[in-house]
Amino acid sequence: MTVPGATAEAGAKRVLLAAPRGYCAGVDRAVVTVEKALDLYEPPIYVRKQIVHNKHVVRTLEKRGAIFVDETDEVPEGATVIFSAHGVSPAVHAEAKALSLKTIDATCPLVTKVHREAVRFARDDFDILLIGHEGHEEVEGTAGEAPEHIILVQGPDEVDDVEVRDPEKVVWLSQTTLSVDETMETVRRLREKFPKLQDPPSDDICYATQNRQVAVKQMAGECDLMIVVGSTNSSNSVRLVEVALDHGAKDGHLVDYADEIDEAWLEGVTTVGVTSGASVPEVLVRDVLDWLAQRGYEDVSAVTAAEESLLFALPNEIRRDLKARDGKEAVKIRHDAGSLH
C-alpha cells in the first residue's frame, strides 16, 4: 500500500479510495425500512418516489416486490406506502390519509430537522430563504411545510433577485445534499444584501454530504481522474464530481456501474480517485475497483477524512410491528450489504 498523499512513482498506476463514501445513516435507514416492510407485510409495498436516488437500489427492491410510484394517488386505496428518504410535504400526508393508506415515513431525520425549522420560523413570521435545487423532492417537501414563507434560492447568482417583506426577519435554510462551498458562498452573498440574516439553529447540510466532500477535497489535487459512483439524479453524487474538479482533479465522471467507465478516460492517467455518493451500496464501488485492477490499477490507498458510526432508529411503524412479531424491541439495524448484490 502507498501512503495517502505520497507521490506515486513515475508511471506507477494507483487508486486513491475516499473514506467515508457510500451509504449514510439516512439512506441505510430508508433501504432497511423497505426491506423490513417487504418482510413484514409481503409484496406489493408501494414507495412514493425513489426511496433513495440510486438506480441499482431501486431496481433491486423492485425485484423483491416494491412498486415505485410518482404520486400518492397511484397507490390503491388502503394499501401500504412508504415515503422516501427525501421527505414529503403535509399535503402528501393529507392525500395519503384521504386514500386510507397505511403510511411509513422513511424521511431522513436530518431532513425532518429542516422541516421543523421551516415550521418554527414560519410560525414566527420570518421569510425563509431556502437554498436548494428547484424540483428536488427534498426541496418540495420542505417548501410544502411553509409555502407562504419560503423563497427558493438556487445559488449565488440568484441572490440579487431575492426580495423579502422585512429585512429584519429573514433566515436561511438549505437542502441537505448541496455543495458546502457553494452554499456558504450563497449565504455570504445573502448576508451582504440582508445583514440581519439569521442562521439555522444547526448546520442543515448533512454530516455525510460534508464528510464525502472533505475526503474528495483532500485527494482531488493528486488525481488525474476522479470516478464518482452514483446516479445522475443524486444531488450529493453530482456535487462530488463538481468538488473534485474545483479542487484540482484533472478529469471527473459520474457512473452508476463499472461498465459505464470509458477506457479512453484512462489515457495518460496515473492516479485515479474513487468515491461514491451517500445512496450507493458498496458492492458498486468494489465492482469499479475490480474493473480498474484488471487494467493495472491494483495499488489502492485509503484517504480518510472522518469516521462515521451514526445509526438512526427505524420508523415507529416498522419498530412496532417488528416488536409484535418478534416479541422484542427492534435495535438500530444496518442494511445487509449482501442483499443488494
C-alpha atoms as a PDB file:
ATOM      1  CA  MET A   1       0.000   0.000   0.000  1.00  0.00           C
ATOM      2  CA  THR A   2       1.162   3.516  -0.728  1.00  0.00           C
ATOM      3  CA  VAL A   3       0.809   6.152   1.922  1.00  0.00           C
ATOM      4  CA  PRO A   4      -2.079   8.535   1.133  1.00  0.00           C
ATOM      5  CA  GLY A   5      -0.649  11.843  -0.004  1.00  0.00           C
ATOM      6  CA  ALA A   6       2.666  10.321  -1.086  1.00  0.00           C
ATOM      7  CA  THR A   7       3.809  10.950  -4.639  1.00  0.00           C
ATOM      8  CA  ALA A   8       3.368   7.923  -6.871  1.00  0.00           C
ATOM      9  CA  GLU A   9       6.466   6.518  -8.527  1.00  0.00           C
ATOM     10  CA  ALA A  10       6.837   7.684 -12.104  1.00  0.00           C
ATOM     11  CA  GLY A  11       4.346   5.785 -14.224  1.00  0.00           C
ATOM     12  CA  ALA A  12       3.026   3.697 -11.298  1.00  0.00           C
ATOM     13  CA  LYS A  13      -0.722   3.265 -11.518  1.00  0.00           C
ATOM     14  CA  ARG A  14      -2.648   3.691  -8.280  1.00  0.00           C
ATOM     15  CA  VAL A  15      -6.112   4.319  -6.847  1.00  0.00           C
ATOM     16  CA  LEU A  16      -6.964   6.712  -4.019  1.00  0.00           C
ATOM     17  CA  LEU A  17     -10.135   5.466  -2.338  1.00  0.00           C
ATOM     18  CA  ALA A  18     -12.146   8.022  -0.373  1.00  0.00           C
ATOM     19  CA  ALA A  19     -13.398   7.325   3.112  1.00  0.00           C
ATOM     20  CA  PRO A  20     -16.102   7.837   4.094  1.00  0.00           C
ATOM     21  CA  ARG A  21     -18.111   7.071   0.971  1.00  0.00           C
ATOM     22  CA  GLY A  22     -21.393   5.375   0.134  1.00  0.00           C
ATOM     23  CA  TYR A  23     -24.339   4.854   2.427  1.00  0.00           C
ATOM     24  CA  CYS A  24     -25.120   7.453   5.067  1.00  0.00           C
ATOM     25  CA  ALA A  25     -27.297   6.730   8.095  1.00  0.00           C
ATOM     26  CA  GLY A  26     -30.426   8.193   6.484  1.00  0.00           C
ATOM     27  CA  VAL A  27     -30.079   6.069   3.355  1.00  0.00           C
ATOM     28  CA  ASP A  28     -29.301   2.985   5.439  1.00  0.00           C
ATOM     29  CA  ARG A  29     -32.489   3.560   7.436  1.00  0.00           C
ATOM     30  CA  ALA A  30     -34.611   4.104   4.320  1.00  0.00           C
ATOM     31  CA  VAL A  31     -33.400   0.991   2.498  1.00  0.00           C
ATOM     32  CA  VAL A  32     -33.822  -1.176   5.608  1.00  0.00           C
ATOM     33  CA  THR A  33     -37.329   0.262   6.020  1.00  0.00           C
ATOM     34  CA  VAL A  34     -38.359  -1.050   2.585  1.00  0.00           C
ATOM     35  CA  GLU A  35     -36.635  -4.399   3.164  1.00  0.00           C
ATOM     36  CA  LYS A  36     -38.344  -4.880   6.533  1.00  0.00           C
ATOM     37  CA  ALA A  37     -41.726  -3.762   5.159  1.00  0.00           C
ATOM     38  CA  LEU A  38     -41.485  -6.363   2.378  1.00  0.00           C
ATOM     39  CA  ASP A  39     -40.649  -8.954   5.025  1.00  0.00           C
ATOM     40  CA  LEU A  40     -43.363  -7.906   7.469  1.00  0.00           C
ATOM     41  CA  TYR A  41     -46.300  -7.163   5.172  1.00  0.00           C
ATOM     42  CA  GLU A  42     -45.356  -9.046   1.988  1.00  0.00           C
ATOM     43  CA  PRO A  43     -45.435  -7.553  -1.516  1.00  0.00           C
ATOM     44  CA  PRO A  44     -46.602  -5.407  -3.025  1.00  0.00           C
ATOM     45  CA  ILE A  45     -45.320  -2.498  -0.967  1.00  0.00           C
ATOM     46  CA  TYR A  46     -45.650   0.902  -2.596  1.00  0.00           C
ATOM     47  CA  VAL A  47     -42.959   3.584  -2.352  1.00  0.00           C
ATOM     48  CA  ARG A  48     -43.646   7.201  -3.266  1.00  0.00           C
ATOM     49  CA  LYS A  49     -40.735   8.397  -5.449  1.00  0.00           C
ATOM     50  CA  GLN A  50     -37.380   6.585  -5.402  1.00  0.00           C
ATOM     51  CA  ILE A  51     -36.653   5.533  -1.825  1.00  0.00           C
ATOM     52  CA  VAL A  52     -33.115   6.868  -2.396  1.00  0.00           C
ATOM     53  CA  HIS A  53     -31.593   8.266  -5.567  1.00  0.00           C
ATOM     54  CA  ASN A  54     -29.797   5.194  -6.861  1.00  0.00           C
ATOM     55  CA  LYS A  55     -30.777   3.070  -9.870  1.00  0.00           C
ATOM     56  CA  HIS A  56     -29.304  -0.164  -8.513  1.00  0.00           C
ATOM     57  CA  VAL A  57     -31.088   0.103  -5.164  1.00  0.00           C
ATOM     58  CA  VAL A  58     -34.425   0.853  -6.805  1.00  0.00           C
ATOM     59  CA  ARG A  59     -34.123  -1.985  -9.348  1.00  0.00           C
ATOM     60  CA  THR A  60     -33.160  -4.481  -6.665  1.00  0.00           C
ATOM     61  CA  LEU A  61     -36.060  -3.540  -4.397  1.00  0.00           C
ATOM     62  CA  GLU A  62     -38.434  -3.701  -7.375  1.00  0.00           C
ATOM     63  CA  LYS A  63     -37.365  -7.309  -7.942  1.00  0.00           C
ATOM     64  CA  ARG A  64     -38.300  -8.054  -4.318  1.00  0.00           C
ATOM     65  CA  GLY A  65     -41.797  -6.620  -4.719  1.00  0.00           C
ATOM     66  CA  ALA A  66     -41.558  -2.884  -4.124  1.00  0.00           C
ATOM     67  CA  ILE A  67     -43.604  -0.732  -6.506  1.00  0.00           C
ATOM     68  CA  PHE A  68     -42.338   2.813  -7.008  1.00  0.00           C
ATOM     69  CA  VAL A  69     -44.867   5.497  -7.914  1.00  0.00           C
ATOM     70  CA  ASP A  70     -44.538   9.210  -8.602  1.00  0.00           C
ATOM     71  CA  GLU A  71     -47.676  10.368  -6.832  1.00  0.00           C
ATOM     72  CA  THR A  72     -49.747   9.236  -3.867  1.00  0.00           C
ATOM     73  CA  ASP A  73     -52.948   8.808  -5.906  1.00  0.00           C
ATOM     74  CA  GLU A  74     -51.259   5.987  -7.854  1.00  0.00           C
ATOM     75  CA  VAL A  75     -51.380   3.813  -4.710  1.00  0.00           C
ATOM     76  CA  PRO A  76     -54.508   1.629  -4.357  1.00  0.00           C
ATOM     77  CA  GLU A  77     -56.838   2.691  -1.569  1.00  0.00           C
ATOM     78  CA  GLY A  78     -55.959   1.029   1.749  1.00  0.00           C
ATOM     79  CA  ALA A  79     -52.506  -0.162   0.619  1.00  0.00           C
ATOM     80  CA  THR A  80     -49.161   0.423   2.357  1.00  0.00           C
ATOM     81  CA  VAL A  81     -46.990   3.270   1.092  1.00  0.00           C
ATOM     82  CA  ILE A  82     -43.512   4.313   2.188  1.00  0.00           C
ATOM     83  CA  PHE A  83     -42.388   7.923   1.891  1.00  0.00           C
ATOM     84  CA  SER A  84     -38.833   8.265   0.613  1.00  0.00           C
ATOM     85  CA  ALA A  85     -35.776   9.485   2.499  1.00  0.00           C
ATOM     86  CA  HIS A  86     -36.141  12.933   0.891  1.00  0.00           C
ATOM     87  CA  GLY A  87     -39.324  13.780   2.795  1.00  0.00           C
ATOM     88  CA  VAL A  88     -42.796  14.927   1.765  1.00  0.00           C
ATOM     89  CA  SER A  89     -44.976  17.945   2.407  1.00  0.00           C
ATOM     90  CA  PRO A  90     -48.026  17.999   4.722  1.00  0.00           C
ATOM     91  CA  ALA A  91     -50.202  17.951   1.593  1.00  0.00           C
ATOM     92  CA  VAL A  92     -48.854  14.489   0.705  1.00  0.00           C
ATOM     93  CA  HIS A  93     -49.661  13.192   4.192  1.00  0.00           C
ATOM     94  CA  ALA A  94     -53.199  14.571   3.748  1.00  0.00           C
ATOM     95  CA  GLU A  95     -53.564  12.832   0.367  1.00  0.00           C
ATOM     96  CA  ALA A  96     -52.495   9.532   1.904  1.00  0.00           C
ATOM     97  CA  LYS A  97     -54.983   9.920   4.739  1.00  0.00           C
ATOM     98  CA  ALA A  98     -57.810  10.650   2.295  1.00  0.00           C
ATOM     99  CA  LEU A  99     -56.998   7.381   0.490  1.00  0.00           C
ATOM    100  CA  SER A 100     -56.899   5.431   3.787  1.00  0.00           C
ATOM    101  CA  LEU A 101     -53.310   4.418   3.069  1.00  0.00           C
ATOM    102  CA  LYS A 102     -51.089   2.842   5.688  1.00  0.00           C
ATOM    103  CA  THR A 103     -48.082   5.151   5.672  1.00  0.00           C
ATOM    104  CA  ILE A 104     -44.496   4.522   6.742  1.00  0.00           C
ATOM    105  CA  ASP A 105     -42.343   7.632   6.790  1.00  0.00           C
ATOM    106  CA  ALA A 106     -38.722   6.885   5.873  1.00  0.00           C
ATOM    107  CA  THR A 107     -37.747  10.572   5.735  1.00  0.00           C
ATOM    108  CA  CYS A 108     -34.152  11.051   6.867  1.00  0.00           C
ATOM    109  CA  PRO A 109     -34.183  12.534  10.399  1.00  0.00           C
ATOM    110  CA  LEU A 110     -31.800  15.257   9.200  1.00  0.00           C
ATOM    111  CA  VAL A 111     -34.350  16.291   6.563  1.00  0.00           C
ATOM    112  CA  THR A 112     -37.091  16.196   9.203  1.00  0.00           C
ATOM    113  CA  LYS A 113     -34.975  18.614  11.242  1.00  0.00           C
ATOM    114  CA  VAL A 114     -35.035  21.111   8.358  1.00  0.00           C
ATOM    115  CA  HIS A 115     -38.825  20.697   8.065  1.00  0.00           C
ATOM    116  CA  ARG A 116     -39.223  21.529  11.736  1.00  0.00           C
ATOM    117  CA  GLU A 117     -37.006  24.583  11.350  1.00  0.00           C
ATOM    118  CA  ALA A 118     -39.187  25.787   8.474  1.00  0.00           C
ATOM    119  CA  VAL A 119     -42.351  25.375  10.553  1.00  0.00           C
ATOM    120  CA  ARG A 120     -40.824  27.177  13.515  1.00  0.00           C
ATOM    121  CA  PHE A 121     -39.572  30.192  11.542  1.00  0.00           C
ATOM    122  CA  ALA A 122     -42.835  30.441   9.590  1.00  0.00           C
ATOM    123  CA  ARG A 123     -44.720  30.475  12.884  1.00  0.00           C
ATOM    124  CA  ASP A 124     -42.566  33.445  13.913  1.00  0.00           C
ATOM    125  CA  ASP A 125     -43.410  35.122  10.570  1.00  0.00           C
ATOM    126  CA  PHE A 126     -39.904  35.028   9.078  1.00  0.00           C
ATOM    127  CA  ASP A 127     -39.199  34.975   5.379  1.00  0.00           C
ATOM    128  CA  ILE A 128     -37.241  31.745   4.813  1.00  0.00           C
ATOM    129  CA  LEU A 129     -34.602  31.695   2.090  1.00  0.00           C
ATOM    130  CA  LEU A 130     -34.332  28.016   1.139  1.00  0.00           C
ATOM    131  CA  ILE A 131     -31.083  27.273  -0.680  1.00  0.00           C
ATOM    132  CA  GLY A 132     -31.609  24.291  -2.943  1.00  0.00           C
ATOM    133  CA  HIS A 133     -32.482  22.955  -6.388  1.00  0.00           C
ATOM    134  CA  GLU A 134     -35.931  23.534  -7.840  1.00  0.00           C
ATOM    135  CA  GLY A 135     -37.806  20.278  -8.421  1.00  0.00           C
ATOM    136  CA  HIS A 136     -35.737  18.196  -5.997  1.00  0.00           C
ATOM    137  CA  GLU A 137     -38.038  16.135  -3.776  1.00  0.00           C
ATOM    138  CA  GLU A 138     -36.383  17.353  -0.604  1.00  0.00           C
ATOM    139  CA  VAL A 139     -36.913  20.989  -1.576  1.00  0.00           C
ATOM    140  CA  GLU A 140     -40.545  20.325  -2.481  1.00  0.00           C
ATOM    141  CA  GLY A 141     -41.142  18.668   0.881  1.00  0.00           C
ATOM    142  CA  THR A 142     -39.509  21.450   2.890  1.00  0.00           C
ATOM    143  CA  ALA A 143     -41.209  24.209   0.898  1.00  0.00           C
ATOM    144  CA  GLY A 144     -44.538  22.480   1.464  1.00  0.00           C
ATOM    145  CA  GLU A 145     -44.181  22.975   5.219  1.00  0.00           C
ATOM    146  CA  ALA A 146     -44.461  26.766   4.866  1.00  0.00           C
ATOM    147  CA  PRO A 147     -45.234  27.714   1.247  1.00  0.00           C
ATOM    148  CA  GLU A 148     -46.246  31.294   2.082  1.00  0.00           C
ATOM    149  CA  HIS A 149     -42.928  31.994   3.799  1.00  0.00           C
ATOM    150  CA  ILE A 150     -40.337  30.178   1.662  1.00  0.00           C
ATOM    151  CA  ILE A 151     -38.330  31.742  -1.174  1.00  0.00           C
ATOM    152  CA  LEU A 152     -36.150  29.324  -3.153  1.00  0.00           C
ATOM    153  CA  VAL A 153     -32.585  30.471  -3.873  1.00  0.00           C
ATOM    154  CA  GLN A 154     -30.743  28.107  -6.214  1.00  0.00           C
ATOM    155  CA  GLY A 155     -27.284  29.627  -5.885  1.00  0.00           C
ATOM    156  CA  PRO A 156     -25.206  32.801  -5.575  1.00  0.00           C
ATOM    157  CA  ASP A 157     -26.302  34.117  -8.988  1.00  0.00           C
ATOM    158  CA  GLU A 158     -29.932  34.371  -7.831  1.00  0.00           C
ATOM    159  CA  VAL A 159     -29.251  36.465  -4.725  1.00  0.00           C
ATOM    160  CA  ASP A 160     -29.670  39.838  -6.479  1.00  0.00           C
ATOM    161  CA  ASP A 161     -33.254  38.932  -7.398  1.00  0.00           C
ATOM    162  CA  VAL A 162     -34.336  37.949  -3.870  1.00  0.00           C
ATOM    163  CA  GLU A 163     -36.928  40.231  -2.255  1.00  0.00           C
ATOM    164  CA  VAL A 164     -38.274  39.871   1.293  1.00  0.00           C
ATOM    165  CA  ARG A 165     -41.030  41.569   3.255  1.00  0.00           C
ATOM    166  CA  ASP A 166     -38.871  42.609   6.193  1.00  0.00           C
ATOM    167  CA  PRO A 167     -35.039  42.526   6.040  1.00  0.00           C
ATOM    168  CA  GLU A 168     -35.047  42.372   9.844  1.00  0.00           C
ATOM    169  CA  LYS A 169     -36.871  39.000   9.831  1.00  0.00           C
ATOM    170  CA  VAL A 170     -35.139  36.687   7.380  1.00  0.00           C
ATOM    171  CA  VAL A 171     -33.434  33.314   7.867  1.00  0.00           C
ATOM    172  CA  TRP A 172     -31.741  30.825   5.547  1.00  0.00           C
ATOM    173  CA  LEU A 173     -32.193  27.051   5.426  1.00  0.00           C
ATOM    174  CA  SER A 174     -30.771  24.594   2.898  1.00  0.00           C
ATOM    175  CA  GLN A 175     -31.247  21.309   1.130  1.00  0.00           C
ATOM    176  CA  THR A 176     -29.099  18.760   2.977  1.00  0.00           C
ATOM    177  CA  THR A 177     -27.140  17.462  -0.042  1.00  0.00           C
ATOM    178  CA  LEU A 178     -25.599  20.604  -1.522  1.00  0.00           C
ATOM    179  CA  SER A 179     -22.018  21.645  -2.140  1.00  0.00           C
ATOM    180  CA  VAL A 180     -20.800  23.110   1.130  1.00  0.00           C
ATOM    181  CA  ASP A 181     -18.656  25.723  -0.623  1.00  0.00           C
ATOM    182  CA  GLU A 182     -21.370  26.931  -2.989  1.00  0.00           C
ATOM    183  CA  THR A 183     -23.936  27.050  -0.202  1.00  0.00           C
ATOM    184  CA  MET A 184     -21.706  29.160   2.017  1.00  0.00           C
ATOM    185  CA  GLU A 185     -20.968  31.491  -0.917  1.00  0.00           C
ATOM    186  CA  THR A 186     -24.734  31.874  -1.393  1.00  0.00           C
ATOM    187  CA  VAL A 187     -25.110  32.621   2.318  1.00  0.00           C
ATOM    188  CA  ARG A 188     -22.277  35.162   2.142  1.00  0.00           C
ATOM    189  CA  ARG A 189     -23.964  36.960  -0.746  1.00  0.00           C
ATOM    190  CA  LEU A 190     -27.330  36.860   1.029  1.00  0.00           C
ATOM    191  CA  ARG A 191     -25.802  38.345   4.170  1.00  0.00           C
ATOM    192  CA  GLU A 192     -24.305  41.183   2.159  1.00  0.00           C
ATOM    193  CA  LYS A 193     -27.814  42.002   0.958  1.00  0.00           C
ATOM    194  CA  PHE A 194     -29.577  41.234   4.260  1.00  0.00           C
ATOM    195  CA  PRO A 195     -27.176  41.982   7.159  1.00  0.00           C
ATOM    196  CA  LYS A 196     -29.721  40.729   9.717  1.00  0.00           C
ATOM    197  CA  LEU A 197     -29.961  37.321   8.033  1.00  0.00           C
ATOM    198  CA  GLN A 198     -30.242  34.610  10.679  1.00  0.00           C
ATOM    199  CA  ASP A 199     -28.587  31.196  10.536  1.00  0.00           C
ATOM    200  CA  PRO A 200     -30.436  27.929  11.169  1.00  0.00           C
ATOM    201  CA  PRO A 201     -30.039  26.558  14.726  1.00  0.00           C
ATOM    202  CA  SER A 202     -27.591  23.959  13.379  1.00  0.00           C
ATOM    203  CA  ASP A 203     -25.958  23.163  10.049  1.00  0.00           C
ATOM    204  CA  ASP A 204     -28.529  21.928   7.512  1.00  0.00           C
ATOM    205  CA  ILE A 205     -26.068  20.252   5.110  1.00  0.00           C
ATOM    206  CA  CYS A 206     -25.814  16.737   6.462  1.00  0.00           C
ATOM    207  CA  TYR A 207     -22.689  15.304   8.063  1.00  0.00           C
ATOM    208  CA  ALA A 208     -22.357  12.650   5.351  1.00  0.00           C
ATOM    209  CA  THR A 209     -22.503  15.143   2.493  1.00  0.00           C
ATOM    210  CA  GLN A 210     -19.825  17.251   4.165  1.00  0.00           C
ATOM    211  CA  ASN A 211     -17.564  14.295   5.030  1.00  0.00           C
ATOM    212  CA  ARG A 212     -17.674  12.922   1.496  1.00  0.00           C
ATOM    213  CA  GLN A 213     -16.842  16.315   0.052  1.00  0.00           C
ATOM    214  CA  VAL A 214     -13.949  16.807   2.505  1.00  0.00           C
ATOM    215  CA  ALA A 215     -12.446  13.442   1.518  1.00  0.00           C
ATOM    216  CA  VAL A 216     -12.649  14.388  -2.171  1.00  0.00           C
ATOM    217  CA  LYS A 217     -11.036  17.777  -1.492  1.00  0.00           C
ATOM    218  CA  GLN A 218      -8.127  16.045   0.255  1.00  0.00           C
ATOM    219  CA  MET A 219      -7.369  13.767  -2.682  1.00  0.00           C
ATOM    220  CA  ALA A 220      -8.522  15.721  -5.747  1.00  0.00           C
ATOM    221  CA  GLY A 221      -5.234  17.538  -6.305  1.00  0.00           C
ATOM    222  CA  GLU A 222      -3.412  14.225  -6.766  1.00  0.00           C
ATOM    223  CA  CYS A 223      -5.990  12.711  -9.120  1.00  0.00           C
ATOM    224  CA  ASP A 224      -5.695  12.631 -12.883  1.00  0.00           C
ATOM    225  CA  LEU A 225      -9.194  11.160 -12.920  1.00  0.00           C
ATOM    226  CA  MET A 226     -11.955  11.079 -10.290  1.00  0.00           C
ATOM    227  CA  ILE A 227     -14.646   8.422 -10.637  1.00  0.00           C
ATOM    228  CA  VAL A 228     -17.750   9.032  -8.528  1.00  0.00           C
ATOM    229  CA  VAL A 229     -20.165   6.123  -8.294  1.00  0.00           C
ATOM    230  CA  GLY A 230     -23.729   7.420  -8.173  1.00  0.00           C
ATOM    231  CA  SER A 231     -26.840   8.228 -10.169  1.00  0.00           C
ATOM    232  CA  THR A 232     -27.416  11.422 -12.128  1.00  0.00           C
ATOM    233  CA  ASN A 233     -30.473  12.343 -10.022  1.00  0.00           C
ATOM    234  CA  SER A 234     -28.439  12.080  -6.805  1.00  0.00           C
ATOM    235  CA  SER A 235     -27.623  15.658  -5.827  1.00  0.00           C
ATOM    236  CA  ASN A 236     -24.822  14.736  -3.440  1.00  0.00           C
ATOM    237  CA  SER A 237     -23.200  12.445  -6.041  1.00  0.00           C
ATOM    238  CA  VAL A 238     -23.264  15.135  -8.728  1.00  0.00           C
ATOM    239  CA  ARG A 239     -21.755  17.593  -6.232  1.00  0.00           C
ATOM    240  CA  LEU A 240     -18.816  15.220  -5.607  1.00  0.00           C
ATOM    241  CA  VAL A 241     -17.768  15.434  -9.255  1.00  0.00           C
ATOM    242  CA  GLU A 242     -18.010  19.217  -9.116  1.00  0.00           C
ATOM    243  CA  VAL A 243     -15.988  19.377  -5.887  1.00  0.00           C
ATOM    244  CA  ALA A 244     -13.283  17.140  -7.368  1.00  0.00           C
ATOM    245  CA  LEU A 245     -12.894  19.319 -10.451  1.00  0.00           C
ATOM    246  CA  ASP A 246     -12.956  22.516  -8.381  1.00  0.00           C
ATOM    247  CA  HIS A 247     -10.152  21.214  -6.137  1.00  0.00           C
ATOM    248  CA  GLY A 248      -7.641  20.031  -8.694  1.00  0.00           C
ATOM    249  CA  ALA A 249      -8.759  16.772 -10.296  1.00  0.00           C
ATOM    250  CA  LYS A 250      -7.863  16.872 -13.982  1.00  0.00           C
ATOM    251  CA  ASP A 251     -10.972  14.956 -15.021  1.00  0.00           C
ATOM    252  CA  GLY A 252     -14.049  13.579 -13.287  1.00  0.00           C
ATOM    253  CA  HIS A 253     -17.053  11.423 -14.177  1.00  0.00           C
ATOM    254  CA  LEU A 254     -20.215  10.062 -12.558  1.00  0.00           C
ATOM    255  CA  VAL A 255     -21.119   6.410 -13.251  1.00  0.00           C
ATOM    256  CA  ASP A 256     -23.796   4.077 -11.958  1.00  0.00           C
ATOM    257  CA  TYR A 257     -21.853   0.919 -12.824  1.00  0.00           C
ATOM    258  CA  ALA A 258     -18.272  -0.063 -13.636  1.00  0.00           C
ATOM    259  CA  ASP A 259     -19.174  -0.952 -17.214  1.00  0.00           C
ATOM    260  CA  GLU A 260     -20.055   2.709 -17.844  1.00  0.00           C
ATOM    261  CA  ILE A 261     -16.387   3.707 -17.449  1.00  0.00           C
ATOM    262  CA  ASP A 262     -14.821   4.654 -20.774  1.00  0.00           C
ATOM    263  CA  GLU A 263     -11.323   3.207 -21.175  1.00  0.00           C
ATOM    264  CA  ALA A 264     -10.391   6.373 -23.034  1.00  0.00           C
ATOM    265  CA  TRP A 265     -10.632   8.222 -19.701  1.00  0.00           C
ATOM    266  CA  LEU A 266      -7.541   6.298 -18.534  1.00  0.00           C
ATOM    267  CA  GLU A 267      -5.248   7.587 -21.280  1.00  0.00           C
ATOM    268  CA  GLY A 268      -2.215   9.144 -19.580  1.00  0.00           C
ATOM    269  CA  VAL A 269      -3.750   8.597 -16.135  1.00  0.00           C
ATOM    270  CA  THR A 270      -1.527   7.552 -13.229  1.00  0.00           C
ATOM    271  CA  THR A 271      -3.753   8.249 -10.225  1.00  0.00           C
ATOM    272  CA  VAL A 272      -7.486   7.502 -10.151  1.00  0.00           C
ATOM    273  CA  GLY A 273      -9.640   8.728  -7.290  1.00  0.00           C
ATOM    274  CA  VAL A 274     -12.724   6.690  -6.411  1.00  0.00           C
ATOM    275  CA  THR A 275     -15.633   7.638  -4.188  1.00  0.00           C
ATOM    276  CA  SER A 276     -19.402   7.181  -4.101  1.00  0.00           C
ATOM    277  CA  GLY A 277     -22.471   9.167  -3.204  1.00  0.00           C
ATOM    278  CA  ALA A 278     -24.427   8.688   0.008  1.00  0.00           C
ATOM    279  CA  SER A 279     -27.061   6.455  -1.626  1.00  0.00           C
ATOM    280  CA  VAL A 280     -24.626   3.997  -3.251  1.00  0.00           C
ATOM    281  CA  PRO A 281     -24.145   0.412  -1.988  1.00  0.00           C
ATOM    282  CA  GLU A 282     -20.518  -0.608  -1.538  1.00  0.00           C
ATOM    283  CA  VAL A 283     -20.815  -3.512  -3.985  1.00  0.00           C
ATOM    284  CA  LEU A 284     -20.866  -0.999  -6.852  1.00  0.00           C
ATOM    285  CA  VAL A 285     -17.620   0.597  -5.634  1.00  0.00           C
ATOM    286  CA  ARG A 286     -15.998  -2.841  -5.399  1.00  0.00           C
ATOM    287  CA  ASP A 287     -17.001  -3.502  -8.999  1.00  0.00           C
ATOM    288  CA  VAL A 288     -15.239  -0.279 -10.052  1.00  0.00           C
ATOM    289  CA  LEU A 289     -12.094  -1.243  -8.108  1.00  0.00           C
ATOM    290  CA  ASP A 290     -12.112  -4.666  -9.783  1.00  0.00           C
ATOM    291  CA  TRP A 291     -12.525  -3.023 -13.213  1.00  0.00           C
ATOM    292  CA  LEU A 292      -9.564  -0.736 -12.527  1.00  0.00           C
ATOM    293  CA  ALA A 293      -7.427  -3.575 -11.140  1.00  0.00           C
ATOM    294  CA  GLN A 294      -7.907  -5.513 -14.365  1.00  0.00           C
ATOM    295  CA  ARG A 295      -6.349  -2.547 -16.143  1.00  0.00           C
ATOM    296  CA  GLY A 296      -3.313  -2.268 -13.895  1.00  0.00           C
ATOM    297  CA  TYR A 297      -4.649  -0.049 -11.111  1.00  0.00           C
ATOM    298  CA  GLU A 298      -4.172  -2.573  -8.310  1.00  0.00           C
ATOM    299  CA  ASP A 299      -2.464  -0.337  -5.745  1.00  0.00           C
ATOM    300  CA  VAL A 300      -5.288   1.067  -3.591  1.00  0.00           C
ATOM    301  CA  SER A 301      -4.792   3.551  -0.755  1.00  0.00           C
ATOM    302  CA  ALA A 302      -7.490   4.952   1.506  1.00  0.00           C
ATOM    303  CA  VAL A 303      -7.838   8.688   2.065  1.00  0.00           C
ATOM    304  CA  THR A 304      -9.787   9.036   5.295  1.00  0.00           C
ATOM    305  CA  ALA A 305     -11.477  12.323   6.167  1.00  0.00           C
ATOM    306  CA  ALA A 306     -13.670  11.136   9.060  1.00  0.00           C
ATOM    307  CA  GLU A 307     -15.010   8.092  10.866  1.00  0.00           C
ATOM    308  CA  GLU A 308     -18.782   7.577  10.790  1.00  0.00           C
ATOM    309  CA  SER A 309     -20.766   5.455  13.218  1.00  0.00           C
ATOM    310  CA  LEU A 310     -24.183   7.141  13.294  1.00  0.00           C
ATOM    311  CA  LEU A 311     -27.272   4.933  13.052  1.00  0.00           C
ATOM    312  CA  PHE A 312     -30.908   6.031  13.078  1.00  0.00           C
ATOM    313  CA  ALA A 313     -33.792   4.072  14.574  1.00  0.00           C
ATOM    314  CA  LEU A 314     -36.267   2.627  12.086  1.00  0.00           C
ATOM    315  CA  PRO A 315     -39.656   4.357  11.651  1.00  0.00           C
ATOM    316  CA  ASN A 316     -42.100   3.824  14.507  1.00  0.00           C
ATOM    317  CA  GLU A 317     -44.471   1.693  12.416  1.00  0.00           C
ATOM    318  CA  ILE A 318     -41.730  -0.780  11.493  1.00  0.00           C
ATOM    319  CA  ARG A 319     -40.371  -0.982  15.044  1.00  0.00           C
ATOM    320  CA  ARG A 320     -43.865  -1.537  16.448  1.00  0.00           C
ATOM    321  CA  ASP A 321     -44.679  -4.358  14.029  1.00  0.00           C
ATOM    322  CA  LEU A 322     -41.263  -5.983  14.392  1.00  0.00           C
ATOM    323  CA  LYS A 323     -41.789  -5.998  18.163  1.00  0.00           C
ATOM    324  CA  ALA A 324     -45.245  -7.513  17.756  1.00  0.00           C
ATOM    325  CA  ARG A 325     -43.818 -10.250  15.535  1.00  0.00           C
ATOM    326  CA  ASP A 326     -40.572 -10.967  17.367  1.00  0.00           C
ATOM    327  CA  GLY A 327     -41.585 -10.127  20.931  1.00  0.00           C
ATOM    328  CA  LYS A 328     -38.695  -7.737  21.462  1.00  0.00           C
ATOM    329  CA  GLU A 329     -37.725  -4.171  20.694  1.00  0.00           C
ATOM    330  CA  ALA A 330     -36.020  -3.706  17.332  1.00  0.00           C
ATOM    331  CA  VAL A 331     -32.493  -2.397  17.678  1.00  0.00           C
ATOM    332  CA  LYS A 332     -30.951   0.058  15.241  1.00  0.00           C
ATOM    333  CA  ILE A 333     -30.393  -2.112  12.196  1.00  0.00           C
ATOM    334  CA  ARG A 334     -27.812  -1.760   9.447  1.00  0.00           C
ATOM    335  CA  HIS A 335     -28.652  -2.680   5.897  1.00  0.00           C
ATOM    336  CA  ASP A 336     -27.452  -6.108   4.845  1.00  0.00           C
ATOM    337  CA  ALA A 337     -24.988  -5.240   2.090  1.00  0.00           C
ATOM    338  CA  GLY A 338     -25.339  -8.697   0.587  1.00  0.00           C
ATOM    339  CA  SER A 339     -28.990  -8.168  -0.253  1.00  0.00           C
ATOM    340  CA  LEU A 340     -28.216  -5.643  -2.955  1.00  0.00           C
ATOM    341  CA  HIS A 341     -25.768  -7.730  -4.986  1.00  0.00           C
END
